[in-house]
Amino acid sequence: MNIYTWVKQPPPKELQQITLASGKVIQTSSLAPVRWPNGESLLLLEYFTDLSAPDEGPALRAEALEVWDHFRPVAEASGYKAAAIAVTARPSHAVYVLPHLKKLAWIREDDGAWHEVAGGQSQ
């Protein structure tokens, strides 16, 4: 899959820090419209976590789903029919290049309902 455009931008003020129900504060790193050559696009939110994928798989997913509750209204207001969250381990240095620990994606149906996508299939 060739990405046509992926320009990371700072997240809007309401998404810079997200406070979860537990009181944990999530720091987001970027918001990026991702566009493919065929014209399809999605809105991607990236954030840092203190959890690790191997040790905290279910907790990492639950955290990302809570972040989605805050991100979904922004994706809707922006007019996107697809949105994704990419979770990265919190960097220990100012300069970082780390792989995403977890990625979750949703597609918005014509009736306005969002459905999580797993492996290219709606759930």
PDB file of N, CA and C in Angstrom:
ATOM      1  N   MET A   1       0.847  -1.161   0.000  1.00  0.00           N
ATOM      2  CA  MET A   1       0.000   0.000   0.000  1.00  0.00           C
ATOM      3  C   MET A   1       0.900   1.233   0.000  1.00  0.00           C
ATOM      4  N   ASN A   2       0.815   2.026  -1.039  1.00  0.00           N
ATOM      5  CA  ASN A   2       1.609   3.245  -1.138  1.00  0.00           C
ATOM      6  C   ASN A   2       0.835   4.424  -0.569  1.00  0.00           C
ATOM      7  N   ILE A   3       1.420   5.099   0.383  1.00  0.00           N
ATOM      8  CA  ILE A   3       0.780   6.265   0.971  1.00  0.00           C
ATOM      9  C   ILE A   3       1.134   7.469   0.126  1.00  0.00           C
ATOM     10  N   TYR A   4       0.118   8.190  -0.274  1.00  0.00           N
ATOM     11  CA  TYR A   4       0.304   9.350  -1.118  1.00  0.00           C
ATOM     12  C   TYR A   4       0.725  10.555  -0.281  1.00  0.00           C
ATOM     13  N   THR A   5       0.025  10.818   0.812  1.00  0.00           N
ATOM     14  CA  THR A   5       0.343  11.950   1.674  1.00  0.00           C
ATOM     15  C   THR A   5       0.175  11.528   3.124  1.00  0.00           C
ATOM     16  N   TRP A   6       1.133  11.928   3.952  1.00  0.00           N
ATOM     17  CA  TRP A   6       1.029  11.659   5.380  1.00  0.00           C
ATOM     18  C   TRP A   6       1.819  12.737   6.094  1.00  0.00           C
ATOM     19  N   VAL A   7       1.181  13.843   6.358  1.00  0.00           N
ATOM     20  CA  VAL A   7       1.836  14.983   6.978  1.00  0.00           C
ATOM     21  C   VAL A   7       1.387  15.070   8.431  1.00  0.00           C
ATOM     22  N   LYS A   8       2.310  14.783   9.334  1.00  0.00           N
ATOM     23  CA  LYS A   8       1.986  14.839  10.756  1.00  0.00           C
ATOM     24  C   LYS A   8       1.866  16.294  11.189  1.00  0.00           C
ATOM     25  N   GLN A   9       0.861  16.536  12.021  1.00  0.00           N
ATOM     26  CA  GLN A   9       0.633  17.864  12.571  1.00  0.00           C
ATOM     27  C   GLN A   9       0.397  17.715  14.070  1.00  0.00           C
ATOM     28  N   PRO A  10       0.623  18.767  14.828  1.00  0.00           N
ATOM     29  CA  PRO A  10       0.262  18.693  16.247  1.00  0.00           C
ATOM     30  C   PRO A  10      -1.242  18.455  16.362  1.00  0.00           C
ATOM     31  N   PRO A  11      -1.658  17.693  17.360  1.00  0.00           N
ATOM     32  CA  PRO A  11      -3.100  17.480  17.526  1.00  0.00           C
ATOM     33  C   PRO A  11      -3.795  18.762  17.960  1.00  0.00           C
ATOM     34  N   PRO A  12      -5.101  18.864  17.708  1.00  0.00           N
ATOM     35  CA  PRO A  12      -5.829  20.050  18.179  1.00  0.00           C
ATOM     36  C   PRO A  12      -5.805  20.090  19.709  1.00  0.00           C
ATOM     37  N   LYS A  13      -6.030  21.251  20.258  1.00  0.00           N
ATOM     38  CA  LYS A  13      -5.921  21.468  21.706  1.00  0.00           C
ATOM     39  C   LYS A  13      -6.698  20.426  22.509  1.00  0.00           C
ATOM     40  N   GLU A  14      -7.908  20.095  22.064  1.00  0.00           N
ATOM     41  CA  GLU A  14      -8.743  19.157  22.826  1.00  0.00           C
ATOM     42  C   GLU A  14      -8.199  17.724  22.822  1.00  0.00           C
ATOM     43  N   LEU A  15      -7.223  17.443  21.951  1.00  0.00           N
ATOM     44  CA  LEU A  15      -6.632  16.106  21.901  1.00  0.00           C
ATOM     45  C   LEU A  15      -5.168  16.065  22.334  1.00  0.00           C
ATOM     46  N   GLN A  16      -4.588  17.193  22.738  1.00  0.00           N
ATOM     47  CA  GLN A  16      -3.176  17.195  23.116  1.00  0.00           C
ATOM     48  C   GLN A  16      -2.924  16.331  24.340  1.00  0.00           C
ATOM     49  N   GLN A  17      -3.816  16.406  25.298  1.00  0.00           N
ATOM     50  CA  GLN A  17      -3.774  15.537  26.470  1.00  0.00           C
ATOM     51  C   GLN A  17      -5.182  15.033  26.705  1.00  0.00           C
ATOM     52  N   ILE A  18      -5.300  13.723  26.860  1.00  0.00           N
ATOM     53  CA  ILE A  18      -6.594  13.094  27.069  1.00  0.00           C
ATOM     54  C   ILE A  18      -6.587  12.455  28.451  1.00  0.00           C
ATOM     55  N   THR A  19      -7.557  12.810  29.273  1.00  0.00           N
ATOM     56  CA  THR A  19      -7.664  12.211  30.601  1.00  0.00           C
ATOM     57  C   THR A  19      -8.666  11.062  30.534  1.00  0.00           C
ATOM     58  N   LEU A  20      -8.185   9.862  30.852  1.00  0.00           N
ATOM     59  CA  LEU A  20      -9.021   8.672  30.833  1.00  0.00           C
ATOM     60  C   LEU A  20      -9.855   8.593  32.109  1.00  0.00           C
ATOM     61  N   ALA A  21     -10.844   7.703  32.129  1.00  0.00           N
ATOM     62  CA  ALA A  21     -11.715   7.535  33.292  1.00  0.00           C
ATOM     63  C   ALA A  21     -10.915   7.212  34.553  1.00  0.00           C
ATOM     64  N   SER A  22      -9.799   6.514  34.399  1.00  0.00           N
ATOM     65  CA  SER A  22      -8.950   6.141  35.532  1.00  0.00           C
ATOM     66  C   SER A  22      -8.173   7.332  36.098  1.00  0.00           C
ATOM     67  N   GLY A  23      -8.184   8.458  35.370  1.00  0.00           N
ATOM     68  CA  GLY A  23      -7.391   9.621  35.758  1.00  0.00           C
ATOM     69  C   GLY A  23      -6.054   9.685  35.044  1.00  0.00           C
ATOM     70  N   LYS A  24      -5.690   8.601  34.361  1.00  0.00           N
ATOM     71  CA  LYS A  24      -4.439   8.570  33.603  1.00  0.00           C
ATOM     72  C   LYS A  24      -4.506   9.591  32.471  1.00  0.00           C
ATOM     73  N   VAL A  25      -3.424  10.336  32.287  1.00  0.00           N
ATOM     74  CA  VAL A  25      -3.364  11.346  31.228  1.00  0.00           C
ATOM     75  C   VAL A  25      -2.537  10.797  30.071  1.00  0.00           C
ATOM     76  N   ILE A  26      -3.117  10.826  28.882  1.00  0.00           N
ATOM     77  CA  ILE A  26      -2.475  10.355  27.657  1.00  0.00           C
ATOM     78  C   ILE A  26      -1.957  11.566  26.892  1.00  0.00           C
ATOM     79  N   GLN A  27      -0.708  11.523  26.500  1.00  0.00           N
ATOM     80  CA  GLN A  27      -0.112  12.587  25.686  1.00  0.00           C
ATOM     81  C   GLN A  27      -0.137  12.141  24.232  1.00  0.00           C
ATOM     82  N   THR A  28      -0.808  12.902  23.386  1.00  0.00           N
ATOM     83  CA  THR A  28      -0.824  12.572  21.962  1.00  0.00           C
ATOM     84  C   THR A  28       0.370  13.231  21.284  1.00  0.00           C
ATOM     85  N   SER A  29       0.825  12.617  20.198  1.00  0.00           N
ATOM     86  CA  SER A  29       2.006  13.146  19.516  1.00  0.00           C
ATOM     87  C   SER A  29       1.680  13.800  18.180  1.00  0.00           C
ATOM     88  N   SER A  30       0.679  13.274  17.463  1.00  0.00           N
ATOM     89  CA  SER A  30       0.369  13.888  16.165  1.00  0.00           C
ATOM     90  C   SER A  30      -1.017  13.493  15.683  1.00  0.00           C
ATOM     91  N   LEU A  31      -1.494  14.286  14.757  1.00  0.00           N
ATOM     92  CA  LEU A  31      -2.739  14.029  14.044  1.00  0.00           C
ATOM     93  C   LEU A  31      -2.396  14.190  12.572  1.00  0.00           C
ATOM     94  N   ALA A  32      -2.703  13.183  11.771  1.00  0.00           N
ATOM     95  CA  ALA A  32      -2.276  13.242  10.374  1.00  0.00           C
ATOM     96  C   ALA A  32      -3.360  12.723   9.443  1.00  0.00           C
ATOM     97  N   PRO A  33      -3.700  13.511   8.429  1.00  0.00           N
ATOM     98  CA  PRO A  33      -4.533  12.963   7.363  1.00  0.00           C
ATOM     99  C   PRO A  33      -3.654  12.061   6.495  1.00  0.00           C
ATOM    100  N   VAL A  34      -4.108  10.849   6.269  1.00  0.00           N
ATOM    101  CA  VAL A  34      -3.370   9.898   5.437  1.00  0.00           C
ATOM    102  C   VAL A  34      -4.188   9.693   4.168  1.00  0.00           C
ATOM    103  N   ARG A  35      -3.551   9.915   3.020  1.00  0.00           N
ATOM    104  CA  ARG A  35      -4.249   9.782   1.737  1.00  0.00           C
ATOM    105  C   ARG A  35      -3.503   8.816   0.833  1.00  0.00           C
ATOM    106  N   TRP A  36      -4.274   7.957   0.146  1.00  0.00           N
ATOM    107  CA  TRP A  36      -3.707   7.016  -0.806  1.00  0.00           C
ATOM    108  C   TRP A  36      -3.924   7.529  -2.223  1.00  0.00           C
ATOM    109  N   PRO A  37      -3.147   7.027  -3.178  1.00  0.00           N
ATOM    110  CA  PRO A  37      -3.284   7.485  -4.562  1.00  0.00           C
ATOM    111  C   PRO A  37      -4.693   7.326  -5.138  1.00  0.00           C
ATOM    112  N   ASN A  38      -5.466   6.356  -4.625  1.00  0.00           N
ATOM    113  CA  ASN A  38      -6.818   6.145  -5.169  1.00  0.00           C
ATOM    114  C   ASN A  38      -7.832   7.150  -4.620  1.00  0.00           C
ATOM    115  N   GLY A  39      -7.389   8.086  -3.780  1.00  0.00           N
ATOM    116  CA  GLY A  39      -8.274   9.117  -3.261  1.00  0.00           C
ATOM    117  C   GLY A  39      -8.852   8.814  -1.886  1.00  0.00           C
ATOM    118  N   GLU A  40      -8.739   7.585  -1.416  1.00  0.00           N
ATOM    119  CA  GLU A  40      -9.238   7.246  -0.086  1.00  0.00           C
ATOM    120  C   GLU A  40      -8.350   7.893   0.969  1.00  0.00           C
ATOM    121  N   SER A  41      -8.945   8.175   2.136  1.00  0.00           N
ATOM    122  CA  SER A  41      -8.165   8.802   3.194  1.00  0.00           C
ATOM    123  C   SER A  41      -8.697   8.398   4.558  1.00  0.00           C
ATOM    124  N   LEU A  42      -7.883   8.647   5.563  1.00  0.00           N
ATOM    125  CA  LEU A  42      -8.297   8.457   6.951  1.00  0.00           C
ATOM    126  C   LEU A  42      -7.574   9.470   7.807  1.00  0.00           C
ATOM    127  N   LEU A  43      -8.074   9.660   9.019  1.00  0.00           N
ATOM    128  CA  LEU A  43      -7.436  10.559   9.970  1.00  0.00           C
ATOM    129  C   LEU A  43      -6.746   9.693  11.015  1.00  0.00           C
ATOM    130  N   LEU A  44      -5.447   9.912  11.209  1.00  0.00           N
ATOM    131  CA  LEU A  44      -4.629   9.090  12.102  1.00  0.00           C
ATOM    132  C   LEU A  44      -4.200   9.902  13.322  1.00  0.00           C
ATOM    133  N   LEU A  45      -4.491   9.379  14.513  1.00  0.00           N
ATOM    134  CA  LEU A  45      -4.032   9.966  15.771  1.00  0.00           C
ATOM    135  C   LEU A  45      -2.960   9.051  16.351  1.00  0.00           C
ATOM    136  N   GLU A  46      -1.826   9.628  16.707  1.00  0.00           N
ATOM    137  CA  GLU A  46      -0.752   8.864  17.342  1.00  0.00           C
ATOM    138  C   GLU A  46      -0.576   9.352  18.768  1.00  0.00           C
ATOM    139  N   TYR A  47      -0.361   8.394  19.681  1.00  0.00           N
ATOM    140  CA  TYR A  47      -0.124   8.787  21.064  1.00  0.00           C
ATOM    141  C   TYR A  47       0.887   7.868  21.723  1.00  0.00           C
ATOM    142  N   PHE A  48       1.414   8.343  22.858  1.00  0.00           N
ATOM    143  CA  PHE A  48       2.403   7.597  23.634  1.00  0.00           C
ATOM    144  C   PHE A  48       1.733   6.880  24.794  1.00  0.00           C
ATOM    145  N   THR A  49       2.267   5.700  25.139  1.00  0.00           N
ATOM    146  CA  THR A  49       1.780   4.952  26.282  1.00  0.00           C
ATOM    147  C   THR A  49       2.953   4.460  27.122  1.00  0.00           C
ATOM    148  N   ASP A  50       2.663   4.177  28.379  1.00  0.00           N
ATOM    149  CA  ASP A  50       3.653   3.564  29.254  1.00  0.00           C
ATOM    150  C   ASP A  50       3.503   2.050  29.269  1.00  0.00           C
ATOM    151  N   LEU A  51       2.454   1.542  28.627  1.00  0.00           N
ATOM    152  CA  LEU A  51       2.219   0.102  28.561  1.00  0.00           C
ATOM    153  C   LEU A  51       3.083  -0.514  27.469  1.00  0.00           C
ATOM    154  N   SER A  52       3.345  -1.820  27.586  1.00  0.00           N
ATOM    155  CA  SER A  52       4.081  -2.528  26.531  1.00  0.00           C
ATOM    156  C   SER A  52       3.153  -3.567  25.914  1.00  0.00           C
ATOM    157  N   ALA A  53       3.266  -3.791  24.644  1.00  0.00           N
ATOM    158  CA  ALA A  53       2.372  -4.708  23.936  1.00  0.00           C
ATOM    159  C   ALA A  53       2.441  -6.135  24.463  1.00  0.00           C
ATOM    160  N   PRO A  54       3.638  -6.721  24.638  1.00  0.00           N
ATOM    161  CA  PRO A  54       3.681  -8.117  25.070  1.00  0.00           C
ATOM    162  C   PRO A  54       3.090  -8.332  26.467  1.00  0.00           C
ATOM    163  N   ASP A  55       3.338  -7.394  27.367  1.00  0.00           N
ATOM    164  CA  ASP A  55       2.900  -7.562  28.747  1.00  0.00           C
ATOM    165  C   ASP A  55       1.487  -7.063  29.002  1.00  0.00           C
ATOM    166  N   GLU A  56       1.028  -6.123  28.226  1.00  0.00           N
ATOM    167  CA  GLU A  56      -0.217  -5.432  28.526  1.00  0.00           C
ATOM    168  C   GLU A  56      -1.206  -5.433  27.357  1.00  0.00           C
ATOM    169  N   GLY A  57      -1.232  -6.473  26.543  1.00  0.00           N
ATOM    170  CA  GLY A  57      -2.098  -6.500  25.362  1.00  0.00           C
ATOM    171  C   GLY A  57      -3.525  -6.047  25.609  1.00  0.00           C
ATOM    172  N   PRO A  58      -4.276  -6.706  26.516  1.00  0.00           N
ATOM    173  CA  PRO A  58      -5.660  -6.279  26.759  1.00  0.00           C
ATOM    174  C   PRO A  58      -5.752  -4.864  27.337  1.00  0.00           C
ATOM    175  N   ALA A  59      -4.825  -4.509  28.222  1.00  0.00           N
ATOM    176  CA  ALA A  59      -4.839  -3.162  28.805  1.00  0.00           C
ATOM    177  C   ALA A  59      -4.528  -2.110  27.736  1.00  0.00           C
ATOM    178  N   LEU A  60      -3.626  -2.436  26.819  1.00  0.00           N
ATOM    179  CA  LEU A  60      -3.267  -1.519  25.743  1.00  0.00           C
ATOM    180  C   LEU A  60      -4.464  -1.277  24.828  1.00  0.00           C
ATOM    181  N   ARG A  61      -5.187  -2.330  24.503  1.00  0.00           N
ATOM    182  CA  ARG A  61      -6.387  -2.209  23.673  1.00  0.00           C
ATOM    183  C   ARG A  61      -7.452  -1.375  24.393  1.00  0.00           C
ATOM    184  N   ALA A  62      -7.665  -1.639  25.679  1.00  0.00           N
ATOM    185  CA  ALA A  62      -8.666  -0.899  26.452  1.00  0.00           C
ATOM    186  C   ALA A  62      -8.308   0.586  26.505  1.00  0.00           C
ATOM    187  N   GLU A  63      -7.024   0.871  26.679  1.00  0.00           N
ATOM    188  CA  GLU A  63      -6.571   2.261  26.705  1.00  0.00           C
ATOM    189  C   GLU A  63      -6.872   2.934  25.368  1.00  0.00           C
ATOM    190  N   ALA A  64      -6.541   2.269  24.270  1.00  0.00           N
ATOM    191  CA  ALA A  64      -6.768   2.838  22.933  1.00  0.00           C
ATOM    192  C   ALA A  64      -8.259   3.052  22.673  1.00  0.00           C
ATOM    193  N   LEU A  65      -9.104   2.158  23.171  1.00  0.00           N
ATOM    194  CA  LEU A  65     -10.546   2.329  22.984  1.00  0.00           C
ATOM    195  C   LEU A  65     -11.064   3.547  23.758  1.00  0.00           C
ATOM    196  N   GLU A  66     -10.483   3.812  24.912  1.00  0.00           N
ATOM    197  CA  GLU A  66     -10.860   5.025  25.655  1.00  0.00           C
ATOM    198  C   GLU A  66     -10.402   6.282  24.917  1.00  0.00           C
ATOM    199  N   VAL A  67      -9.219   6.230  24.329  1.00  0.00           N
ATOM    200  CA  VAL A  67      -8.722   7.353  23.530  1.00  0.00           C
ATOM    201  C   VAL A  67      -9.662   7.573  22.335  1.00  0.00           C
ATOM    202  N   TRP A  68     -10.139   6.488  21.733  1.00  0.00           N
ATOM    203  CA  TRP A  68     -11.065   6.569  20.607  1.00  0.00           C
ATOM    204  C   TRP A  68     -12.317   7.369  20.984  1.00  0.00           C
ATOM    205  N   ASP A  69     -12.812   7.189  22.187  1.00  0.00           N
ATOM    206  CA  ASP A  69     -14.000   7.935  22.621  1.00  0.00           C
ATOM    207  C   ASP A  69     -13.781   9.447  22.532  1.00  0.00           C
ATOM    208  N   HIS A  70     -12.553   9.905  22.732  1.00  0.00           N
ATOM    209  CA  HIS A  70     -12.220  11.330  22.644  1.00  0.00           C
ATOM    210  C   HIS A  70     -11.904  11.752  21.202  1.00  0.00           C
ATOM    211  N   PHE A  71     -11.331  10.832  20.442  1.00  0.00           N
ATOM    212  CA  PHE A  71     -10.895  11.119  19.070  1.00  0.00           C
ATOM    213  C   PHE A  71     -12.054  11.074  18.066  1.00  0.00           C
ATOM    214  N   ARG A  72     -13.012  10.185  18.304  1.00  0.00           N
ATOM    215  CA  ARG A  72     -14.127  10.001  17.358  1.00  0.00           C
ATOM    216  C   ARG A  72     -14.825  11.312  17.003  1.00  0.00           C
ATOM    217  N   PRO A  73     -15.195  12.180  17.959  1.00  0.00           N
ATOM    218  CA  PRO A  73     -15.865  13.435  17.586  1.00  0.00           C
ATOM    219  C   PRO A  73     -15.014  14.325  16.669  1.00  0.00           C
ATOM    220  N   VAL A  74     -13.705  14.296  16.842  1.00  0.00           N
ATOM    221  CA  VAL A  74     -12.818  15.093  15.985  1.00  0.00           C
ATOM    222  C   VAL A  74     -12.832  14.523  14.571  1.00  0.00           C
ATOM    223  N   ALA A  75     -12.765  13.200  14.451  1.00  0.00           N
ATOM    224  CA  ALA A  75     -12.818  12.562  13.128  1.00  0.00           C
ATOM    225  C   ALA A  75     -14.149  12.862  12.441  1.00  0.00           C
ATOM    226  N   GLU A  76     -15.230  12.792  13.205  1.00  0.00           N
ATOM    227  CA  GLU A  76     -16.560  13.087  12.643  1.00  0.00           C
ATOM    228  C   GLU A  76     -16.654  14.537  12.186  1.00  0.00           C
ATOM    229  N   ALA A  77     -16.216  15.457  13.022  1.00  0.00           N
ATOM    230  CA  ALA A  77     -16.291  16.884  12.681  1.00  0.00           C
ATOM    231  C   ALA A  77     -15.417  17.214  11.477  1.00  0.00           C
ATOM    232  N   SER A  78     -14.359  16.436  11.276  1.00  0.00           N
ATOM    233  CA  SER A  78     -13.461  16.652  10.137  1.00  0.00           C
ATOM    234  C   SER A  78     -13.994  16.029   8.857  1.00  0.00           C
ATOM    235  N   GLY A  79     -15.077  15.248   8.960  1.00  0.00           N
ATOM    236  CA  GLY A  79     -15.706  14.666   7.784  1.00  0.00           C
ATOM    237  C   GLY A  79     -15.102  13.357   7.301  1.00  0.00           C
ATOM    238  N   TYR A  80     -14.244  12.749   8.086  1.00  0.00           N
ATOM    239  CA  TYR A  80     -13.621  11.486   7.663  1.00  0.00           C
ATOM    240  C   TYR A  80     -14.570  10.317   7.854  1.00  0.00           C
ATOM    241  N   LYS A  81     -14.474   9.350   6.947  1.00  0.00           N
ATOM    242  CA  LYS A  81     -15.243   8.108   7.062  1.00  0.00           C
ATOM    243  C   LYS A  81     -14.364   6.966   7.532  1.00  0.00           C
ATOM    244  N   ALA A  82     -13.095   7.251   7.759  1.00  0.00           N
ATOM    245  CA  ALA A  82     -12.169   6.259   8.307  1.00  0.00           C
ATOM    246  C   ALA A  82     -11.212   6.982   9.243  1.00  0.00           C
ATOM    247  N   ALA A  83     -10.887   6.303  10.339  1.00  0.00           N
ATOM    248  CA  ALA A  83      -9.984   6.886  11.331  1.00  0.00           C
ATOM    249  C   ALA A  83      -9.173   5.766  11.962  1.00  0.00           C
ATOM    250  N   ALA A  84      -7.986   6.109  12.450  1.00  0.00           N
ATOM    251  CA  ALA A  84      -7.128   5.111  13.069  1.00  0.00           C
ATOM    252  C   ALA A  84      -6.356   5.736  14.220  1.00  0.00           C
ATOM    253  N   ILE A  85      -5.978   4.868  15.156  1.00  0.00           N
ATOM    254  CA  ILE A  85      -5.130   5.256  16.274  1.00  0.00           C
ATOM    255  C   ILE A  85      -3.900   4.374  16.229  1.00  0.00           C
ATOM    256  N   ALA A  86      -2.730   4.979  16.377  1.00  0.00           N
ATOM    257  CA  ALA A  86      -1.474   4.232  16.451  1.00  0.00           C
ATOM    258  C   ALA A  86      -0.827   4.557  17.796  1.00  0.00           C
ATOM    259  N   VAL A  87      -0.494   3.503  18.535  1.00  0.00           N
ATOM    260  CA  VAL A  87       0.051   3.653  19.879  1.00  0.00           C
ATOM    261  C   VAL A  87       1.544   3.332  19.856  1.00  0.00           C
ATOM    262  N   THR A  88       2.344   4.214  20.448  1.00  0.00           N
ATOM    263  CA  THR A  88       3.792   4.052  20.500  1.00  0.00           C
ATOM    264  C   THR A  88       4.252   4.109  21.953  1.00  0.00           C
ATOM    265  N   ALA A  89       5.269   3.312  22.269  1.00  0.00           N
ATOM    266  CA  ALA A  89       5.850   3.366  23.614  1.00  0.00           C
ATOM    267  C   ALA A  89       6.410   4.757  23.857  1.00  0.00           C
ATOM    268  N   ARG A  90       6.263   5.228  25.089  1.00  0.00           N
ATOM    269  CA  ARG A  90       6.782   6.556  25.428  1.00  0.00           C
ATOM    270  C   ARG A  90       8.299   6.555  25.233  1.00  0.00           C
ATOM    271  N   PRO A  91       8.823   7.508  24.453  1.00  0.00           N
ATOM    272  CA  PRO A  91      10.271   7.541  24.212  1.00  0.00           C
ATOM    273  C   PRO A  91      11.039   7.945  25.466  1.00  0.00           C
ATOM    274  N   SER A  92      12.236   7.422  25.585  1.00  0.00           N
ATOM    275  CA  SER A  92      13.071   7.776  26.738  1.00  0.00           C
ATOM    276  C   SER A  92      13.998   8.948  26.411  1.00  0.00           C
ATOM    277  N   HIS A  93      14.093   9.314  25.124  1.00  0.00           N
ATOM    278  CA  HIS A  93      14.945  10.426  24.697  1.00  0.00           C
ATOM    279  C   HIS A  93      14.111  11.389  23.862  1.00  0.00           C
ATOM    280  N   ALA A  94      14.632  12.576  23.668  1.00  0.00           N
ATOM    281  CA  ALA A  94      13.919  13.594  22.893  1.00  0.00           C
ATOM    282  C   ALA A  94      13.757  13.194  21.431  1.00  0.00           C
ATOM    283  N   VAL A  95      14.729  12.485  20.882  1.00  0.00           N
ATOM    284  CA  VAL A  95      14.649  12.028  19.497  1.00  0.00           C
ATOM    285  C   VAL A  95      14.278  10.550  19.528  1.00  0.00           C
ATOM    286  N   TYR A  96      13.247  10.201  18.794  1.00  0.00           N
ATOM    287  CA  TYR A  96      12.801   8.815  18.833  1.00  0.00           C
ATOM    288  C   TYR A  96      12.348   8.332  17.464  1.00  0.00           C
ATOM    289  N   VAL A  97      12.558   7.073  17.226  1.00  0.00           N
ATOM    290  CA  VAL A  97      11.997   6.368  16.080  1.00  0.00           C
ATOM    291  C   VAL A  97      11.617   4.998  16.618  1.00  0.00           C
ATOM    292  N   LEU A  98      10.362   4.839  16.930  1.00  0.00           N
ATOM    293  CA  LEU A  98       9.876   3.605  17.536  1.00  0.00           C
ATOM    294  C   LEU A  98       8.722   3.053  16.715  1.00  0.00           C
ATOM    295  N   PRO A  99       8.619   1.731  16.630  1.00  0.00           N
ATOM    296  CA  PRO A  99       7.472   1.153  15.923  1.00  0.00           C
ATOM    297  C   PRO A  99       6.208   1.312  16.769  1.00  0.00           C
ATOM    298  N   HIS A 100       5.069   1.283  16.104  1.00  0.00           N
ATOM    299  CA  HIS A 100       3.799   1.326  16.822  1.00  0.00           C
ATOM    300  C   HIS A 100       3.590   0.005  17.545  1.00  0.00           C
ATOM    301  N   LEU A 101       3.108   0.062  18.780  1.00  0.00           N
ATOM    302  CA  LEU A 101       2.792  -1.136  19.548  1.00  0.00           C
ATOM    303  C   LEU A 101       1.452  -1.718  19.138  1.00  0.00           C
ATOM    304  N   LYS A 102       0.520  -0.844  18.813  1.00  0.00           N
ATOM    305  CA  LYS A 102      -0.845  -1.262  18.506  1.00  0.00           C
ATOM    306  C   LYS A 102      -1.455  -0.270  17.533  1.00  0.00           C
ATOM    307  N   LYS A 103      -2.245  -0.774  16.604  1.00  0.00           N
ATOM    308  CA  LYS A 103      -2.996   0.082  15.691  1.00  0.00           C
ATOM    309  C   LYS A 103      -4.443  -0.399  15.691  1.00  0.00           C
ATOM    310  N   LEU A 104      -5.364   0.520  15.790  1.00  0.00           N
ATOM    311  CA  LEU A 104      -6.778   0.226  15.705  1.00  0.00           C
ATOM    312  C   LEU A 104      -7.380   1.159  14.670  1.00  0.00           C
ATOM    313  N   ALA A 105      -8.384   0.667  13.933  1.00  0.00           N
ATOM    314  CA  ALA A 105      -8.994   1.486  12.881  1.00  0.00           C
ATOM    315  C   ALA A 105     -10.502   1.291  12.877  1.00  0.00           C
ATOM    316  N   TRP A 106     -11.193   2.338  12.420  1.00  0.00           N
ATOM    317  CA  TRP A 106     -12.645   2.316  12.334  1.00  0.00           C
ATOM    318  C   TRP A 106     -13.086   2.879  10.990  1.00  0.00           C
ATOM    319  N   ILE A 107     -14.237   2.405  10.524  1.00  0.00           N
ATOM    320  CA  ILE A 107     -14.872   2.922   9.308  1.00  0.00           C
ATOM    321  C   ILE A 107     -16.265   3.404   9.691  1.00  0.00           C
ATOM    322  N   ARG A 108     -16.618   4.569   9.164  1.00  0.00           N
ATOM    323  CA  ARG A 108     -17.938   5.138   9.442  1.00  0.00           C
ATOM    324  C   ARG A 108     -18.899   4.744   8.329  1.00  0.00           C
ATOM    325  N   GLU A 109     -19.996   4.138   8.724  1.00  0.00           N
ATOM    326  CA  GLU A 109     -21.017   3.707   7.768  1.00  0.00           C
ATOM    327  C   GLU A 109     -21.902   4.889   7.367  1.00  0.00           C
ATOM    328  N   ASP A 110     -22.712   4.694   6.349  1.00  0.00           N
ATOM    329  CA  ASP A 110     -23.594   5.758   5.868  1.00  0.00           C
ATOM    330  C   ASP A 110     -24.586   6.215   6.935  1.00  0.00           C
ATOM    331  N   ASP A 111     -24.933   5.316   7.878  1.00  0.00           N
ATOM    332  CA  ASP A 111     -25.871   5.688   8.935  1.00  0.00           C
ATOM    333  C   ASP A 111     -25.188   6.444  10.082  1.00  0.00           C
ATOM    334  N   GLY A 112     -23.866   6.678   9.965  1.00  0.00           N
ATOM    335  CA  GLY A 112     -23.125   7.417  10.971  1.00  0.00           C
ATOM    336  C   GLY A 112     -22.463   6.553  12.025  1.00  0.00           C
ATOM    337  N   ALA A 113     -22.770   5.259  12.055  1.00  0.00           N
ATOM    338  CA  ALA A 113     -22.171   4.354  13.048  1.00  0.00           C
ATOM    339  C   ALA A 113     -20.746   4.001  12.644  1.00  0.00           C
ATOM    340  N   TRP A 114     -19.870   3.925  13.639  1.00  0.00           N
ATOM    341  CA  TRP A 114     -18.479   3.539  13.409  1.00  0.00           C
ATOM    342  C   TRP A 114     -18.321   2.056  13.733  1.00  0.00           C
ATOM    343  N   HIS A 115     -17.554   1.344  12.908  1.00  0.00           N
ATOM    344  CA  HIS A 115     -17.286  -0.079  13.135  1.00  0.00           C
ATOM    345  C   HIS A 115     -15.788  -0.299  13.101  1.00  0.00           C
ATOM    346  N   GLU A 116     -15.292  -0.983  14.116  1.00  0.00           N
ATOM    347  CA  GLU A 116     -13.865  -1.282  14.169  1.00  0.00           C
ATOM    348  C   GLU A 116     -13.514  -2.248  13.047  1.00  0.00           C
ATOM    349  N   VAL A 117     -12.337  -2.023  12.469  1.00  0.00           N
ATOM    350  CA  VAL A 117     -11.859  -2.860  11.377  1.00  0.00           C
ATOM    351  C   VAL A 117     -10.680  -3.677  11.899  1.00  0.00           C
ATOM    352  N   ALA A 118     -10.732  -4.966  11.643  1.00  0.00           N
ATOM    353  CA  ALA A 118      -9.625  -5.847  12.052  1.00  0.00           C
ATOM    354  C   ALA A 118      -9.222  -6.670  10.839  1.00  0.00           C
ATOM    355  N   GLY A 119      -7.986  -6.559  10.426  1.00  0.00           N
ATOM    356  CA  GLY A 119      -7.527  -7.327   9.278  1.00  0.00           C
ATOM    357  C   GLY A 119      -8.305  -7.053   8.006  1.00  0.00           C
ATOM    358  N   GLY A 120      -8.815  -5.822   7.891  1.00  0.00           N
ATOM    359  CA  GLY A 120      -9.544  -5.441   6.684  1.00  0.00           C
ATOM    360  C   GLY A 120     -11.005  -5.846   6.708  1.00  0.00           C
ATOM    361  N   GLN A 121     -11.487  -6.414   7.821  1.00  0.00           N
ATOM    362  CA  GLN A 121     -12.871  -6.857   7.900  1.00  0.00           C
ATOM    363  C   GLN A 121     -13.568  -6.119   9.039  1.00  0.00           C
ATOM    364  N   SER A 122     -14.774  -5.659   8.820  1.00  0.00           N
ATOM    365  CA  SER A 122     -15.532  -5.007   9.892  1.00  0.00           C
ATOM    366  C   SER A 122     -15.879  -6.010  10.958  1.00  0.00           C
ATOM    367  N   GLN A 123     -15.917  -5.540  12.212  1.00  0.00           N
ATOM    368  CA  GLN A 123     -16.319  -6.405  13.332  1.00  0.00           C
ATOM    369  C   GLN A 123     -17.744  -6.119  13.705  1.00  0.00           C
TER     370      GLN A 123
END
